[in-house]
Amino acid sequence: MKIAVITGASSGMGREFVYALDREEEFDELWVIARREHRLEELKEKCRNPVRPLVLDLQKRESLEIYRQLLEEKQPEIAVLVNASGFGLFGTFSEMELDRQLDIIDLNARGLTGMCYCSLPYLGRGSRIFNLGSMSSWQPVPYINVYGASKAYVLSFSRALGRELKGRGVRVMAVCPGWIRTEFFDHAVHDDTIRYYNRFYPPEQVIEKALRDMRKGRDVSILGLPEQLQAALVKHLPMKFVMNTWCRQQGK
């Protein structure tokens, strides 16, 4: 049984990945993972490939165990794994609730890592892993502190895992977009701490480029020439200068 597994499938980038993969490829099933069952059930009517909703909270280790057991039972071939679950909070680190900030790490880093680990035995030659990073993967980001650090982990982890899996013919790519207009902002923004957004990209364009870049064998996908230049430039600039520039943009 050939499947694609997409986390965060109830909204945002995860949902758009479901639509894109459904248009482009034939699967025996799309395994769609999120916490909101009704949003997952809706995908059955919107996709031409069969959809299997999995209501799981990837912040919790027991959800990873449920996923692992289902894989063991069904023995599928995972052709595509998309780790799009994640969230962030904008604000001052010391003024935000600790539990919510730890939840960011649990979902963005630990959940993603667990999904990759559990999926590995079912990935064959030609299988692909898309891990959702961010432009904040490339630099420390004050006032998006924990989220940015979690996405730096995603970038580093994805590149290293891709190197380890090269001999198996499994490709891993970090998708590192700039600002995207999705439901992410409904959860992240609770005040005017972050006030400067240089540009927004449609999620469909981000995913279209990610699919192209994967076919080209790249380990990172960044949509937009300004974002590509930024990712290249910050490698050579002092981090103090980079953070000061970001803070000035936000009026800090």
Protein backbone atom coordinates (compact mmCIF):
# COMPACT_ATOMS: atom_id res chain seq x y z
CA MET A 1 0.00 0.00 0.00
CA LYS A 2 1.55 3.28 -1.17
CA ILE A 3 0.70 6.22 1.08
CA ALA A 4 1.51 9.84 1.82
CA VAL A 5 1.53 11.01 5.44
CA ILE A 6 0.84 14.68 6.15
CA THR A 7 0.82 16.20 9.62
CA GLY A 8 -0.86 19.50 10.41
CA ALA A 9 -3.41 18.55 7.75
CA SER A 10 -6.35 20.40 9.28
CA SER A 11 -5.19 23.84 8.14
CA GLY A 12 -2.41 25.99 6.75
CA MET A 13 0.59 24.50 5.00
CA GLY A 14 -0.33 20.95 5.95
CA ARG A 15 -3.74 21.20 4.31
CA GLU A 16 -2.26 22.79 1.19
CA PHE A 17 0.30 19.98 0.98
CA VAL A 18 -2.59 17.49 1.04
CA TYR A 19 -4.23 19.22 -1.91
CA ALA A 20 -0.96 19.49 -3.87
CA LEU A 21 0.03 15.85 -3.41
CA ASP A 22 -3.52 14.74 -4.20
CA ARG A 23 -3.38 16.62 -7.51
CA GLU A 24 0.08 15.44 -8.50
CA GLU A 25 0.26 11.76 -7.54
CA GLU A 26 -1.67 8.55 -7.12
CA PHE A 27 -1.74 6.99 -3.65
CA ASP A 28 -3.62 4.10 -2.14
CA GLU A 29 -4.28 6.40 0.83
CA LEU A 30 -3.49 9.81 2.18
CA TRP A 31 -2.92 9.60 5.93
CA VAL A 32 -3.83 13.02 7.28
CA ILE A 33 -2.91 13.87 10.87
CA ALA A 34 -4.15 16.66 13.13
CA ARG A 35 -6.22 17.20 16.27
CA ARG A 36 -9.43 18.53 14.65
CA GLU A 37 -11.36 15.53 13.40
CA HIS A 38 -14.02 17.46 11.51
CA ARG A 39 -11.38 19.29 9.47
CA LEU A 40 -9.74 15.99 8.55
CA GLU A 41 -13.07 14.41 7.60
CA GLU A 42 -13.70 17.30 5.19
CA LEU A 43 -10.70 16.18 3.15
CA LYS A 44 -12.49 12.98 2.15
CA GLU A 45 -14.81 15.06 -0.02
CA LYS A 46 -12.07 17.28 -1.41
CA CYS A 47 -9.46 14.71 -2.47
CA ARG A 48 -9.54 12.20 -5.31
CA ASN A 49 -7.20 9.82 -3.43
CA PRO A 50 -8.67 7.89 -0.48
CA VAL A 51 -8.15 9.72 2.81
CA ARG A 52 -7.51 8.12 6.21
CA PRO A 53 -7.98 10.70 9.02
CA LEU A 54 -5.80 10.16 12.09
CA VAL A 55 -6.79 12.33 15.04
CA LEU A 56 -3.51 12.67 16.93
CA ASP A 57 -1.86 15.31 19.08
CA LEU A 58 1.83 15.11 18.19
CA GLN A 59 2.80 17.07 21.30
CA LYS A 60 2.10 13.82 23.16
CA ARG A 61 4.36 10.80 22.94
CA GLU A 62 1.41 8.42 23.15
CA SER A 63 0.21 9.76 19.78
CA LEU A 64 3.51 8.77 18.22
CA GLU A 65 3.06 5.30 19.65
CA ILE A 66 -0.43 5.06 18.11
CA TYR A 67 1.06 6.05 14.76
CA ARG A 68 3.89 3.52 15.11
CA GLN A 69 1.45 0.72 15.92
CA LEU A 70 -0.73 1.56 12.92
CA LEU A 71 2.29 1.42 10.65
CA GLU A 72 3.23 -1.95 12.09
CA GLU A 73 -0.27 -3.24 11.50
CA LYS A 74 -0.73 -1.92 7.93
CA GLN A 75 2.88 -2.23 6.68
CA PRO A 76 2.54 0.55 4.10
CA GLU A 77 5.11 2.02 1.76
CA ILE A 78 5.46 5.68 2.74
CA ALA A 79 6.20 7.47 -0.52
CA VAL A 80 5.92 10.96 1.01
CA LEU A 81 6.10 12.24 4.58
CA VAL A 82 5.22 15.89 5.20
CA ASN A 83 5.86 17.26 8.68
CA ALA A 84 3.83 20.47 8.65
CA SER A 85 2.51 20.46 12.23
CA GLY A 86 3.74 23.40 14.21
CA PHE A 87 2.93 26.73 15.82
CA GLY A 88 4.63 29.78 17.25
CA LEU A 89 4.05 32.68 19.61
CA PHE A 90 5.08 36.29 19.08
CA GLY A 91 6.08 38.14 22.24
CA THR A 92 8.67 38.62 24.97
CA PHE A 93 9.97 35.30 26.26
CA SER A 94 9.67 36.18 29.95
CA GLU A 95 6.11 37.47 29.57
CA MET A 96 4.57 34.45 27.83
CA GLU A 97 3.24 31.31 29.47
CA LEU A 98 5.95 28.70 29.97
CA ASP A 99 3.78 25.70 29.14
CA ARG A 100 2.81 27.13 25.76
CA GLN A 101 6.43 27.79 24.89
CA LEU A 102 7.39 24.25 25.85
CA ASP A 103 4.50 23.06 23.66
CA ILE A 104 6.20 24.76 20.70
CA ILE A 105 9.30 22.65 21.26
CA ASP A 106 7.25 19.50 21.79
CA LEU A 107 5.39 19.90 18.50
CA ASN A 108 7.86 21.65 16.20
CA ALA A 109 10.92 19.65 17.18
CA ARG A 110 10.05 16.54 19.19
CA GLY A 111 6.90 15.66 17.26
CA LEU A 112 8.64 16.10 13.91
CA THR A 113 11.59 14.00 15.07
CA GLY A 114 9.28 11.25 16.29
CA MET A 115 7.34 11.18 13.02
CA CYS A 116 10.56 10.77 11.05
CA TYR A 117 11.83 8.04 13.36
CA CYS A 118 8.62 6.02 13.33
CA SER A 119 8.31 6.35 9.55
CA LEU A 120 11.88 5.33 8.66
CA PRO A 121 11.28 1.55 8.40
CA TYR A 122 8.57 2.20 5.80
CA LEU A 123 10.51 4.62 3.59
CA GLY A 124 12.00 3.07 0.46
CA ARG A 125 14.22 4.26 -2.37
CA GLY A 126 12.64 7.35 -3.89
CA SER A 127 10.67 8.26 -0.76
CA ARG A 128 10.63 11.92 0.21
CA ILE A 129 10.43 13.80 3.51
CA PHE A 130 9.35 17.46 3.59
CA ASN A 131 10.03 19.13 6.95
CA LEU A 132 8.54 22.59 7.41
CA GLY A 133 11.14 25.07 8.59
CA SER A 134 11.08 28.85 8.30
CA MET A 135 13.20 31.84 7.41
CA SER A 136 13.79 31.99 11.16
CA SER A 137 15.73 28.73 10.75
CA TRP A 138 18.71 30.81 9.63
CA GLN A 139 19.11 33.30 12.49
CA PRO A 140 18.18 34.02 16.11
CA VAL A 141 14.87 35.92 16.19
CA PRO A 142 14.13 37.98 19.32
CA TYR A 143 10.42 38.10 20.23
CA ILE A 144 9.85 34.91 18.19
CA ASN A 145 12.53 33.28 20.28
CA VAL A 146 11.41 29.72 20.93
CA TYR A 147 9.69 29.30 17.57
CA GLY A 148 12.81 30.45 15.72
CA ALA A 149 15.01 28.11 17.73
CA SER A 150 12.69 25.19 17.01
CA LYS A 151 12.91 25.92 13.28
CA ALA A 152 16.70 26.14 13.43
CA TYR A 153 16.52 22.60 14.82
CA VAL A 154 14.32 21.53 11.89
CA LEU A 155 16.86 22.82 9.36
CA SER A 156 19.85 21.20 11.04
CA PHE A 157 18.04 17.93 11.69
CA SER A 158 16.71 17.70 8.13
CA ARG A 159 20.10 18.25 6.51
CA ALA A 160 21.82 15.73 8.76
CA LEU A 161 19.07 13.14 8.33
CA GLY A 162 19.19 13.60 4.57
CA ARG A 163 22.89 12.81 4.60
CA GLU A 164 22.32 9.68 6.68
CA LEU A 165 19.57 8.45 4.36
CA LYS A 166 21.38 9.23 1.11
CA GLY A 167 22.56 5.64 0.68
CA ARG A 168 18.97 4.41 1.00
CA GLY A 169 17.77 6.73 -1.72
CA VAL A 170 15.48 8.65 0.65
CA ARG A 171 15.50 12.41 0.19
CA VAL A 172 14.91 14.93 2.97
CA MET A 173 14.25 18.62 2.46
CA ALA A 174 13.63 21.55 4.78
CA VAL A 175 11.04 23.96 3.41
CA CYS A 176 11.99 27.40 4.75
CA PRO A 177 9.45 30.04 3.65
CA GLY A 178 9.11 33.64 4.67
CA TRP A 179 5.80 35.06 5.82
CA ILE A 180 2.79 33.03 4.66
CA ARG A 181 -0.81 34.09 5.22
CA THR A 182 -2.30 31.08 7.04
CA GLU A 183 -4.05 30.30 10.33
CA PHE A 184 -0.59 30.35 11.94
CA PHE A 185 -1.13 34.04 12.70
CA ASP A 186 -4.41 33.37 14.49
CA HIS A 187 -2.43 31.55 17.18
CA ALA A 188 0.90 33.39 17.07
CA VAL A 189 -0.23 37.02 17.27
CA HIS A 190 -1.75 38.26 20.50
CA ASP A 191 -0.37 41.83 20.58
CA ASP A 192 1.68 44.22 18.42
CA THR A 193 5.10 42.90 19.44
CA ILE A 194 5.80 41.99 15.80
CA ARG A 195 4.64 44.83 13.57
CA TYR A 196 6.84 44.67 10.46
CA TYR A 197 6.12 42.08 7.75
CA ASN A 198 8.08 42.75 4.57
CA ARG A 199 6.01 40.52 2.25
CA PHE A 200 3.61 37.59 2.26
CA TYR A 201 3.59 34.60 -0.08
CA PRO A 202 0.64 32.33 -0.91
CA PRO A 203 1.09 28.83 0.56
CA GLU A 204 0.39 27.28 -2.85
CA GLN A 205 3.48 28.98 -4.31
CA VAL A 206 5.66 27.82 -1.42
CA ILE A 207 4.55 24.22 -1.93
CA GLU A 208 4.85 24.34 -5.71
CA LYS A 209 8.48 25.43 -5.37
CA ALA A 210 9.14 22.83 -2.68
CA LEU A 211 7.91 20.06 -4.98
CA ARG A 212 10.13 21.37 -7.80
CA ASP A 213 13.15 21.67 -5.53
CA MET A 214 12.64 18.14 -4.26
CA ARG A 215 12.67 16.85 -7.84
CA LYS A 216 15.95 18.71 -8.35
CA GLY A 217 17.46 16.97 -5.33
CA ARG A 218 17.84 20.06 -3.16
CA ASP A 219 17.93 19.80 0.63
CA VAL A 220 16.41 23.25 1.24
CA SER A 221 13.61 25.13 -0.50
CA ILE A 222 13.21 28.91 -0.16
CA LEU A 223 10.64 30.81 -2.20
CA GLY A 224 11.55 34.33 -3.28
CA LEU A 225 14.83 35.93 -4.35
CA PRO A 226 14.87 38.38 -1.39
CA GLU A 227 14.47 35.46 1.04
CA GLN A 228 17.18 33.46 -0.72
CA LEU A 229 19.55 36.42 -0.51
CA GLN A 230 18.70 36.94 3.14
CA ALA A 231 19.45 33.30 4.00
CA ALA A 232 22.79 33.54 2.19
CA LEU A 233 23.71 36.91 3.68
CA VAL A 234 23.06 36.20 7.35
CA LYS A 235 25.67 33.42 7.25
CA HIS A 236 28.36 36.07 6.78
CA LEU A 237 27.08 38.84 9.05
CA PRO A 238 27.65 39.14 12.80
CA MET A 239 24.59 37.78 14.60
CA LYS A 240 24.48 40.86 16.81
CA PHE A 241 24.05 43.00 13.69
CA VAL A 242 21.38 40.66 12.28
CA MET A 243 19.36 40.72 15.52
CA ASN A 244 19.74 44.49 15.89
CA THR A 245 18.42 44.97 12.36
CA TRP A 246 15.41 42.75 13.07
CA CYS A 247 14.68 44.58 16.33
CA ARG A 248 14.86 47.99 14.63
CA GLN A 249 12.34 46.76 12.05
CA GLN A 250 10.01 45.84 14.90
CA GLY A 251 10.50 49.15 16.68
CA LYS A 252 12.49 47.60 19.54
